[in-house]
Amino acid sequence: MKLYLRILCAAAAMVMLGSCGGEDSKADSGKSSQNSETAESSQTEESEVTAKEVLSAIDNELLDGDAYYGEETFDNNCPKLYGIEADKLTDGGIIFATSGGNADEISMIKPADGKGKQILESRLSSRSRDFETYKPEEMPKIDSAEIFSAGGYDVLIISEDASSLKKTIEEALEG
């Protein structure tokens, strides 16, 4: 019964995440400026580590749901989450809070066209719109989100611990 409830909660969270956007829209000017500066970090050589390997190693009790490139759940929800089809990526993954009441997530994508930062800025903007009236107490996490490139991936981190998680991911990708 406990396993059934966990699966049910995970499925509900994926549906909620899937409904949270991915449509192209303009970010708030202040948030866009802040995230553009963060997104300007230099991209390093491509890593041989997969998004699944990196994200699976993250130890954060809020981030209890996951989906990865090549899995049906990720591939089917990619257009809703990021506004692109999964076949436009060469790898990716997301870990997220299944509760739905937390904005916490880490998205890692490697788009074939190299426009991952723009995709993730749109995702962040969508999350901001979703939470500003639904659960405004989550906005500090969203406002201090990290968008950066490392190891050929573009990464979005929404968490109270975003800077520490960024360092962990960068180290994992630099190998």
N, C-alpha and C. Protein backbone atom coordinates (compact mmCIF):
# COMPACT_ATOMS: atom_id res chain seq x y z
N MET A 1 0.82 -1.18 0.00
CA MET A 1 0.00 0.00 0.00
C MET A 1 0.87 1.26 0.00
N LYS A 2 1.96 1.23 0.79
CA LYS A 2 2.85 2.38 0.87
C LYS A 2 3.50 2.65 -0.49
N LEU A 3 3.91 1.58 -1.18
CA LEU A 3 4.51 1.72 -2.51
C LEU A 3 3.49 2.30 -3.49
N TYR A 4 2.25 1.84 -3.40
CA TYR A 4 1.19 2.34 -4.27
C TYR A 4 1.01 3.85 -4.07
N LEU A 5 0.98 4.30 -2.82
CA LEU A 5 0.83 5.73 -2.54
C LEU A 5 2.00 6.54 -3.06
N ARG A 6 3.20 6.00 -2.92
CA ARG A 6 4.40 6.70 -3.42
C ARG A 6 4.34 6.84 -4.94
N ILE A 7 3.95 5.77 -5.61
CA ILE A 7 3.82 5.82 -7.09
C ILE A 7 2.74 6.81 -7.49
N LEU A 8 1.62 6.79 -6.78
CA LEU A 8 0.53 7.71 -7.06
C LEU A 8 0.97 9.16 -6.88
N CYS A 9 1.71 9.44 -5.79
CA CYS A 9 2.21 10.80 -5.54
C CYS A 9 3.19 11.24 -6.63
N ALA A 10 4.08 10.33 -7.03
CA ALA A 10 5.04 10.66 -8.08
C ALA A 10 4.33 10.95 -9.40
N ALA A 11 3.32 10.16 -9.73
CA ALA A 11 2.57 10.39 -10.97
C ALA A 11 1.85 11.73 -10.92
N ALA A 12 1.26 12.05 -9.77
CA ALA A 12 0.56 13.33 -9.62
C ALA A 12 1.54 14.49 -9.76
N ALA A 13 2.72 14.34 -9.19
CA ALA A 13 3.72 15.40 -9.28
C ALA A 13 4.17 15.60 -10.72
N MET A 14 4.35 14.53 -11.48
CA MET A 14 4.76 14.67 -12.88
C MET A 14 3.67 15.38 -13.69
N VAL A 15 2.41 15.08 -13.39
CA VAL A 15 1.31 15.77 -14.08
C VAL A 15 1.37 17.25 -13.74
N MET A 16 1.60 17.56 -12.45
CA MET A 16 1.68 18.96 -12.05
C MET A 16 2.87 19.65 -12.71
N LEU A 17 4.02 18.99 -12.71
CA LEU A 17 5.19 19.58 -13.35
C LEU A 17 4.93 19.78 -14.84
N GLY A 18 4.26 18.83 -15.44
CA GLY A 18 3.98 18.93 -16.86
C GLY A 18 3.06 20.09 -17.19
N SER A 19 2.19 20.44 -16.26
CA SER A 19 1.27 21.54 -16.52
C SER A 19 1.88 22.89 -16.19
N CYS A 20 3.13 22.88 -15.72
CA CYS A 20 3.76 24.12 -15.25
C CYS A 20 4.47 24.87 -16.35
N GLY A 21 4.22 24.60 -17.57
CA GLY A 21 4.72 25.47 -18.60
C GLY A 21 5.77 24.89 -19.47
N GLY A 22 6.50 25.78 -20.07
CA GLY A 22 7.46 25.44 -21.09
C GLY A 22 7.18 26.30 -22.30
N GLU A 23 6.05 27.02 -22.26
CA GLU A 23 5.74 27.91 -23.37
C GLU A 23 6.68 29.10 -23.32
N ASP A 24 7.07 29.56 -24.50
CA ASP A 24 7.95 30.73 -24.54
C ASP A 24 7.18 31.94 -24.05
N SER A 25 7.80 32.66 -23.15
CA SER A 25 7.23 33.90 -22.65
C SER A 25 8.35 34.76 -22.13
N LYS A 26 8.05 36.05 -21.99
CA LYS A 26 9.06 36.97 -21.51
C LYS A 26 9.11 36.92 -20.00
N ALA A 27 10.32 36.88 -19.47
CA ALA A 27 10.52 36.88 -18.03
C ALA A 27 10.38 38.29 -17.51
N ASP A 28 10.10 38.42 -16.21
CA ASP A 28 10.09 39.74 -15.59
C ASP A 28 11.44 40.38 -15.84
N SER A 29 11.47 41.69 -16.08
CA SER A 29 12.72 42.33 -16.46
C SER A 29 13.80 42.18 -15.40
N GLY A 30 13.48 42.31 -14.13
CA GLY A 30 14.48 42.16 -13.08
C GLY A 30 15.00 40.74 -13.01
N LYS A 31 14.10 39.79 -13.07
CA LYS A 31 14.49 38.38 -12.99
C LYS A 31 15.28 38.00 -14.23
N SER A 32 14.89 38.52 -15.40
CA SER A 32 15.59 38.21 -16.64
C SER A 32 17.03 38.71 -16.58
N SER A 33 17.20 39.91 -16.06
CA SER A 33 18.53 40.48 -15.94
C SER A 33 19.40 39.66 -15.00
N GLN A 34 18.84 39.29 -13.84
CA GLN A 34 19.59 38.51 -12.86
C GLN A 34 19.98 37.16 -13.45
N ASN A 35 19.04 36.48 -14.11
CA ASN A 35 19.32 35.16 -14.63
C ASN A 35 20.20 35.19 -15.86
N SER A 36 20.14 36.27 -16.63
CA SER A 36 21.03 36.38 -17.78
C SER A 36 22.47 36.47 -17.32
N GLU A 37 22.68 37.22 -16.22
CA GLU A 37 24.03 37.30 -15.67
C GLU A 37 24.50 35.93 -15.21
N THR A 38 23.63 35.21 -14.51
CA THR A 38 23.98 33.87 -14.04
C THR A 38 24.22 32.95 -15.22
N ALA A 39 23.41 33.08 -16.25
CA ALA A 39 23.50 32.19 -17.41
C ALA A 39 24.74 32.46 -18.26
N GLU A 40 25.41 33.58 -18.02
CA GLU A 40 26.57 33.93 -18.81
C GLU A 40 27.81 33.12 -18.45
N SER A 41 27.73 32.30 -17.38
CA SER A 41 28.92 31.55 -17.00
C SER A 41 29.40 30.70 -18.17
N SER A 42 30.71 30.54 -18.27
CA SER A 42 31.28 29.88 -19.43
C SER A 42 30.97 28.40 -19.45
N GLN A 43 30.82 27.89 -20.65
CA GLN A 43 30.55 26.47 -20.83
C GLN A 43 31.87 25.73 -20.96
N THR A 44 31.99 24.63 -20.23
CA THR A 44 33.21 23.85 -20.26
C THR A 44 33.10 22.76 -21.31
N GLU A 45 34.18 22.00 -21.47
CA GLU A 45 34.16 20.88 -22.40
C GLU A 45 33.05 19.92 -22.00
N GLU A 46 32.55 19.17 -22.99
CA GLU A 46 31.47 18.24 -22.72
C GLU A 46 31.93 17.12 -21.80
N SER A 47 31.08 16.80 -20.86
CA SER A 47 31.35 15.75 -19.90
C SER A 47 30.88 14.41 -20.45
N GLU A 48 31.55 13.35 -20.03
CA GLU A 48 31.12 12.01 -20.41
C GLU A 48 30.10 11.46 -19.41
N VAL A 49 29.83 12.19 -18.35
CA VAL A 49 28.87 11.79 -17.34
C VAL A 49 27.47 12.12 -17.83
N THR A 50 26.52 11.24 -17.58
CA THR A 50 25.14 11.51 -18.00
C THR A 50 24.40 12.33 -16.96
N ALA A 51 23.31 12.95 -17.39
CA ALA A 51 22.47 13.71 -16.47
C ALA A 51 21.94 12.78 -15.37
N LYS A 52 21.59 11.57 -15.72
CA LYS A 52 21.07 10.62 -14.73
C LYS A 52 22.13 10.33 -13.66
N GLU A 53 23.37 10.14 -14.07
CA GLU A 53 24.43 9.86 -13.10
C GLU A 53 24.63 11.04 -12.15
N VAL A 54 24.60 12.25 -12.69
CA VAL A 54 24.81 13.44 -11.86
C VAL A 54 23.63 13.66 -10.92
N LEU A 55 22.42 13.64 -11.47
CA LEU A 55 21.25 13.95 -10.66
C LEU A 55 20.94 12.85 -9.64
N SER A 56 21.23 11.61 -9.97
CA SER A 56 20.99 10.50 -9.04
C SER A 56 21.86 10.62 -7.80
N ALA A 57 22.98 11.29 -7.92
CA ALA A 57 23.91 11.42 -6.80
C ALA A 57 23.57 12.59 -5.87
N ILE A 58 22.61 13.43 -6.26
CA ILE A 58 22.22 14.57 -5.43
C ILE A 58 21.45 14.06 -4.22
N ASP A 59 21.89 14.48 -3.04
CA ASP A 59 21.25 14.07 -1.80
C ASP A 59 20.50 15.26 -1.22
N ASN A 60 19.20 15.33 -1.51
CA ASN A 60 18.36 16.42 -1.02
C ASN A 60 16.98 15.82 -0.79
N GLU A 61 16.53 15.81 0.44
CA GLU A 61 15.28 15.13 0.77
C GLU A 61 14.06 15.72 0.08
N LEU A 62 14.07 16.98 -0.29
CA LEU A 62 12.93 17.56 -1.01
C LEU A 62 12.85 17.06 -2.45
N LEU A 63 13.99 16.76 -3.03
CA LEU A 63 14.04 16.33 -4.44
C LEU A 63 13.87 14.82 -4.50
N ASP A 64 12.61 14.38 -4.35
CA ASP A 64 12.33 12.95 -4.24
C ASP A 64 11.68 12.33 -5.47
N GLY A 65 11.54 13.10 -6.54
CA GLY A 65 11.02 12.57 -7.80
C GLY A 65 12.03 12.78 -8.90
N ASP A 66 11.99 11.93 -9.92
CA ASP A 66 12.94 12.09 -11.02
C ASP A 66 12.39 11.55 -12.33
N ALA A 67 12.97 12.03 -13.40
CA ALA A 67 12.67 11.55 -14.75
C ALA A 67 13.89 11.87 -15.61
N TYR A 68 14.23 10.95 -16.50
CA TYR A 68 15.45 11.10 -17.29
C TYR A 68 15.21 10.86 -18.77
N TYR A 69 16.05 11.51 -19.57
CA TYR A 69 16.03 11.38 -21.02
C TYR A 69 16.01 9.89 -21.39
N GLY A 70 15.14 9.56 -22.33
CA GLY A 70 15.02 8.18 -22.77
C GLY A 70 13.95 7.40 -22.03
N GLU A 71 13.51 7.92 -20.90
CA GLU A 71 12.41 7.31 -20.15
C GLU A 71 11.10 7.92 -20.64
N GLU A 72 10.06 7.11 -20.69
CA GLU A 72 8.78 7.56 -21.21
C GLU A 72 8.25 8.81 -20.49
N THR A 73 8.37 8.84 -19.17
CA THR A 73 7.85 9.97 -18.40
C THR A 73 8.54 11.27 -18.81
N PHE A 74 9.86 11.25 -18.90
CA PHE A 74 10.60 12.45 -19.29
C PHE A 74 10.28 12.85 -20.73
N ASP A 75 10.40 11.89 -21.63
CA ASP A 75 10.20 12.18 -23.05
C ASP A 75 8.80 12.71 -23.33
N ASN A 76 7.79 12.16 -22.68
CA ASN A 76 6.41 12.62 -22.89
C ASN A 76 6.16 13.99 -22.29
N ASN A 77 6.84 14.33 -21.20
CA ASN A 77 6.61 15.61 -20.53
C ASN A 77 7.57 16.71 -20.97
N CYS A 78 8.55 16.38 -21.76
CA CYS A 78 9.54 17.36 -22.21
C CYS A 78 8.91 18.59 -22.86
N PRO A 79 7.93 18.44 -23.76
CA PRO A 79 7.32 19.64 -24.35
C PRO A 79 6.61 20.51 -23.31
N LYS A 80 6.00 19.89 -22.31
CA LYS A 80 5.31 20.66 -21.27
C LYS A 80 6.29 21.35 -20.34
N LEU A 81 7.39 20.67 -20.03
CA LEU A 81 8.38 21.22 -19.11
C LEU A 81 9.27 22.28 -19.77
N TYR A 82 9.71 21.99 -21.00
CA TYR A 82 10.75 22.81 -21.63
C TYR A 82 10.35 23.43 -22.96
N GLY A 83 9.18 23.08 -23.47
CA GLY A 83 8.74 23.66 -24.73
C GLY A 83 9.42 23.07 -25.95
N ILE A 84 10.07 21.91 -25.81
CA ILE A 84 10.71 21.24 -26.94
C ILE A 84 10.44 19.74 -26.84
N GLU A 85 10.55 19.08 -27.96
CA GLU A 85 10.42 17.62 -27.99
C GLU A 85 11.72 17.01 -27.47
N ALA A 86 11.61 15.85 -26.84
CA ALA A 86 12.78 15.17 -26.29
C ALA A 86 13.81 14.84 -27.37
N ASP A 87 13.37 14.63 -28.60
CA ASP A 87 14.32 14.29 -29.66
C ASP A 87 15.20 15.47 -30.07
N LYS A 88 14.94 16.64 -29.52
CA LYS A 88 15.79 17.82 -29.74
C LYS A 88 16.91 17.89 -28.70
N LEU A 89 16.92 16.93 -27.77
CA LEU A 89 17.95 16.84 -26.74
C LEU A 89 18.85 15.64 -27.05
N THR A 90 20.06 15.70 -26.51
CA THR A 90 20.93 14.53 -26.58
C THR A 90 21.03 13.88 -25.20
N ASP A 91 20.58 14.58 -24.14
CA ASP A 91 20.51 14.02 -22.79
C ASP A 91 19.76 15.02 -21.92
N GLY A 92 19.32 14.57 -20.77
CA GLY A 92 18.64 15.46 -19.85
C GLY A 92 18.01 14.72 -18.70
N GLY A 93 17.55 15.48 -17.74
CA GLY A 93 16.87 14.90 -16.60
C GLY A 93 16.35 15.98 -15.68
N ILE A 94 15.46 15.57 -14.81
CA ILE A 94 14.91 16.49 -13.82
C ILE A 94 14.71 15.72 -12.52
N ILE A 95 15.08 16.36 -11.43
CA ILE A 95 14.69 15.87 -10.11
C ILE A 95 13.88 16.98 -9.48
N PHE A 96 12.85 16.61 -8.72
CA PHE A 96 11.89 17.61 -8.27
C PHE A 96 11.23 17.15 -6.99
N ALA A 97 10.56 18.11 -6.34
CA ALA A 97 9.79 17.83 -5.14
C ALA A 97 8.43 17.31 -5.56
N THR A 98 8.10 16.09 -5.18
CA THR A 98 6.83 15.50 -5.59
C THR A 98 5.65 16.07 -4.84
N SER A 99 5.88 16.80 -3.77
CA SER A 99 4.78 17.34 -2.97
C SER A 99 3.94 18.34 -3.76
N GLY A 100 4.51 18.98 -4.74
CA GLY A 100 3.77 19.98 -5.51
C GLY A 100 3.71 21.33 -4.82
N GLY A 101 3.92 21.36 -3.52
CA GLY A 101 3.90 22.61 -2.78
C GLY A 101 5.26 23.27 -2.67
N ASN A 102 6.27 22.60 -3.20
CA ASN A 102 7.63 23.13 -3.19
C ASN A 102 8.07 23.38 -4.63
N ALA A 103 8.73 24.48 -4.84
CA ALA A 103 9.20 24.83 -6.17
C ALA A 103 10.51 24.12 -6.53
N ASP A 104 11.10 23.44 -5.57
CA ASP A 104 12.43 22.84 -5.75
C ASP A 104 12.49 21.91 -6.96
N GLU A 105 13.54 22.10 -7.76
CA GLU A 105 13.83 21.21 -8.88
C GLU A 105 15.24 21.48 -9.38
N ILE A 106 15.78 20.48 -10.02
CA ILE A 106 17.01 20.65 -10.79
C ILE A 106 16.74 20.05 -12.15
N SER A 107 16.88 20.87 -13.18
CA SER A 107 16.75 20.42 -14.56
C SER A 107 18.11 20.49 -15.22
N MET A 108 18.48 19.43 -15.89
CA MET A 108 19.73 19.37 -16.66
C MET A 108 19.37 18.95 -18.07
N ILE A 109 19.74 19.78 -19.04
CA ILE A 109 19.44 19.42 -20.42
C ILE A 109 20.66 19.66 -21.30
N LYS A 110 20.71 18.89 -22.37
CA LYS A 110 21.76 19.06 -23.37
C LYS A 110 21.06 19.10 -24.73
N PRO A 111 20.62 20.30 -25.14
CA PRO A 111 19.93 20.41 -26.42
C PRO A 111 20.90 20.32 -27.59
N ALA A 112 20.46 19.71 -28.65
CA ALA A 112 21.29 19.55 -29.84
C ALA A 112 21.65 20.90 -30.45
N ASP A 113 20.77 21.89 -30.31
CA ASP A 113 21.02 23.20 -30.93
C ASP A 113 21.77 24.17 -30.02
N GLY A 114 22.07 23.77 -28.79
CA GLY A 114 22.84 24.62 -27.88
C GLY A 114 22.07 25.77 -27.26
N LYS A 115 20.75 25.77 -27.32
CA LYS A 115 19.95 26.87 -26.79
C LYS A 115 19.32 26.53 -25.44
N GLY A 116 20.04 25.78 -24.63
CA GLY A 116 19.50 25.32 -23.35
C GLY A 116 19.26 26.41 -22.33
N LYS A 117 20.12 27.42 -22.30
CA LYS A 117 19.94 28.50 -21.32
C LYS A 117 18.62 29.21 -21.55
N GLN A 118 18.29 29.47 -22.81
CA GLN A 118 17.02 30.14 -23.13
C GLN A 118 15.84 29.28 -22.71
N ILE A 119 15.94 27.99 -22.94
CA ILE A 119 14.88 27.05 -22.55
C ILE A 119 14.69 27.08 -21.04
N LEU A 120 15.79 27.06 -20.30
CA LEU A 120 15.72 27.04 -18.85
C LEU A 120 15.28 28.38 -18.27
N GLU A 121 15.62 29.48 -18.91
CA GLU A 121 15.12 30.78 -18.48
C GLU A 121 13.61 30.84 -18.63
N SER A 122 13.10 30.26 -19.72
CA SER A 122 11.65 30.18 -19.92
C SER A 122 11.01 29.30 -18.85
N ARG A 123 11.65 28.19 -18.53
CA ARG A 123 11.15 27.28 -17.49
C ARG A 123 11.10 28.01 -16.14
N LEU A 124 12.14 28.75 -15.82
CA LEU A 124 12.18 29.51 -14.57
C LEU A 124 11.08 30.56 -14.52
N SER A 125 10.87 31.23 -15.62
CA SER A 125 9.82 32.24 -15.70
C SER A 125 8.44 31.60 -15.46
N SER A 126 8.25 30.44 -16.04
CA SER A 126 7.00 29.71 -15.86
C SER A 126 6.79 29.31 -14.40
N ARG A 127 7.85 28.82 -13.76
CA ARG A 127 7.77 28.44 -12.35
C ARG A 127 7.45 29.67 -11.49
N SER A 128 8.02 30.80 -11.84
CA SER A 128 7.76 32.03 -11.12
C SER A 128 6.28 32.40 -11.21
N ARG A 129 5.74 32.36 -12.41
CA ARG A 129 4.32 32.67 -12.60
C ARG A 129 3.44 31.70 -11.82
N ASP A 130 3.82 30.43 -11.82
CA ASP A 130 3.03 29.41 -11.13
C ASP A 130 2.99 29.64 -9.62
N PHE A 131 4.11 30.02 -9.04
CA PHE A 131 4.20 30.09 -7.58
C PHE A 131 3.92 31.47 -7.00
N GLU A 132 3.98 32.55 -7.79
CA GLU A 132 3.83 33.87 -7.20
C GLU A 132 2.46 34.08 -6.56
N THR A 133 1.42 33.44 -7.06
CA THR A 133 0.11 33.55 -6.41
C THR A 133 -0.28 32.26 -5.70
N TYR A 134 0.20 31.12 -6.20
CA TYR A 134 -0.13 29.82 -5.61
C TYR A 134 0.53 29.64 -4.25
N LYS A 135 1.82 29.90 -4.19
CA LYS A 135 2.56 29.71 -2.93
C LYS A 135 3.71 30.72 -2.91
N PRO A 136 3.41 31.99 -2.61
CA PRO A 136 4.43 33.05 -2.67
C PRO A 136 5.62 32.83 -1.75
N GLU A 137 5.46 32.03 -0.70
CA GLU A 137 6.60 31.78 0.20
C GLU A 137 7.71 30.98 -0.48
N GLU A 138 7.44 30.42 -1.66
CA GLU A 138 8.45 29.71 -2.44
C GLU A 138 9.25 30.64 -3.36
N MET A 139 8.80 31.88 -3.50
CA MET A 139 9.43 32.82 -4.43
C MET A 139 10.90 33.12 -4.13
N PRO A 140 11.35 33.18 -2.87
CA PRO A 140 12.79 33.42 -2.66
C PRO A 140 13.67 32.35 -3.32
N LYS A 141 13.23 31.11 -3.33
CA LYS A 141 13.98 30.05 -4.01
C LYS A 141 14.05 30.32 -5.52
N ILE A 142 12.93 30.71 -6.07
CA ILE A 142 12.85 30.97 -7.50
C ILE A 142 13.67 32.21 -7.86
N ASP A 143 13.57 33.24 -7.02
CA ASP A 143 14.31 34.48 -7.28
C ASP A 143 15.82 34.29 -7.20
N SER A 144 16.27 33.31 -6.43
CA SER A 144 17.71 33.08 -6.31
C SER A 144 18.16 31.82 -7.07
N ALA A 145 17.36 31.40 -8.02
CA ALA A 145 17.69 30.21 -8.82
C ALA A 145 19.00 30.41 -9.58
N GLU A 146 19.63 29.31 -9.90
CA GLU A 146 20.89 29.31 -10.66
C GLU A 146 20.63 28.70 -12.03
N ILE A 147 21.08 29.38 -13.07
CA ILE A 147 21.11 28.83 -14.43
C ILE A 147 22.54 28.96 -14.90
N PHE A 148 23.13 27.84 -15.31
CA PHE A 148 24.52 27.84 -15.72
C PHE A 148 24.79 26.71 -16.69
N SER A 149 25.96 26.74 -17.29
CA SER A 149 26.41 25.70 -18.21
C SER A 149 27.66 25.05 -17.64
N ALA A 150 27.72 23.73 -17.76
CA ALA A 150 28.89 22.99 -17.32
C ALA A 150 28.90 21.64 -18.04
N GLY A 151 30.05 21.23 -18.50
CA GLY A 151 30.20 19.92 -19.10
C GLY A 151 29.31 19.66 -20.30
N GLY A 152 28.93 20.71 -21.01
CA GLY A 152 28.05 20.55 -22.17
C GLY A 152 26.57 20.57 -21.83
N TYR A 153 26.25 20.67 -20.55
CA TYR A 153 24.86 20.72 -20.09
C TYR A 153 24.49 22.14 -19.70
N ASP A 154 23.20 22.43 -19.79
CA ASP A 154 22.64 23.64 -19.22
C ASP A 154 21.80 23.19 -18.04
N VAL A 155 21.92 23.92 -16.92
CA VAL A 155 21.33 23.47 -15.67
C VAL A 155 20.53 24.59 -15.02
N LEU A 156 19.37 24.22 -14.48
CA LEU A 156 18.53 25.12 -13.68
C LEU A 156 18.41 24.49 -12.29
N ILE A 157 18.70 25.28 -11.27
CA ILE A 157 18.53 24.81 -9.90
C ILE A 157 17.62 25.78 -9.16
N ILE A 158 16.51 25.26 -8.65
CA ILE A 158 15.61 26.03 -7.79
C ILE A 158 15.64 25.34 -6.44
N SER A 159 16.26 25.99 -5.46
CA SER A 159 16.43 25.40 -4.13
C SER A 159 16.98 26.46 -3.19
N GLU A 160 16.71 26.30 -1.90
CA GLU A 160 17.34 27.17 -0.91
C GLU A 160 18.85 26.97 -0.91
N ASP A 161 19.28 25.82 -1.38
CA ASP A 161 20.68 25.42 -1.37
C ASP A 161 21.28 25.47 -2.78
N ALA A 162 20.78 26.38 -3.62
CA ALA A 162 21.17 26.40 -5.04
C ALA A 162 22.67 26.55 -5.26
N SER A 163 23.33 27.41 -4.51
CA SER A 163 24.76 27.62 -4.75
C SER A 163 25.58 26.38 -4.40
N SER A 164 25.22 25.69 -3.34
CA SER A 164 25.92 24.46 -2.96
C SER A 164 25.66 23.35 -3.98
N LEU A 165 24.42 23.24 -4.44
CA LEU A 165 24.07 22.24 -5.44
C LEU A 165 24.78 22.52 -6.77
N LYS A 166 24.92 23.80 -7.10
CA LYS A 166 25.64 24.18 -8.32
C LYS A 166 27.08 23.68 -8.24
N LYS A 167 27.72 23.89 -7.12
CA LYS A 167 29.10 23.45 -6.94
C LYS A 167 29.21 21.93 -7.08
N THR A 168 28.29 21.20 -6.48
CA THR A 168 28.27 19.74 -6.56
C THR A 168 28.14 19.26 -8.00
N ILE A 169 27.24 19.88 -8.75
CA ILE A 169 27.02 19.50 -10.15
C ILE A 169 28.22 19.83 -11.00
N GLU A 170 28.78 21.03 -10.82
CA GLU A 170 29.97 21.41 -11.58
C GLU A 170 31.12 20.43 -11.33
N GLU A 171 31.32 20.07 -10.07
CA GLU A 171 32.39 19.11 -9.75
C GLU A 171 32.13 17.75 -10.39
N ALA A 172 30.89 17.30 -10.39
CA ALA A 172 30.55 16.01 -10.99
C ALA A 172 30.78 16.02 -12.50
N LEU A 173 30.51 17.15 -13.14
CA LEU A 173 30.66 17.24 -14.58
C LEU A 173 32.10 17.44 -15.01
N GLU A 174 32.89 18.03 -14.13
CA GLU A 174 34.30 18.24 -14.45
C GLU A 174 35.12 16.98 -14.21
N GLY A 175 34.51 16.03 -13.46
CA GLY A 175 35.03 14.71 -13.25
C GLY A 175 36.33 14.58 -12.61
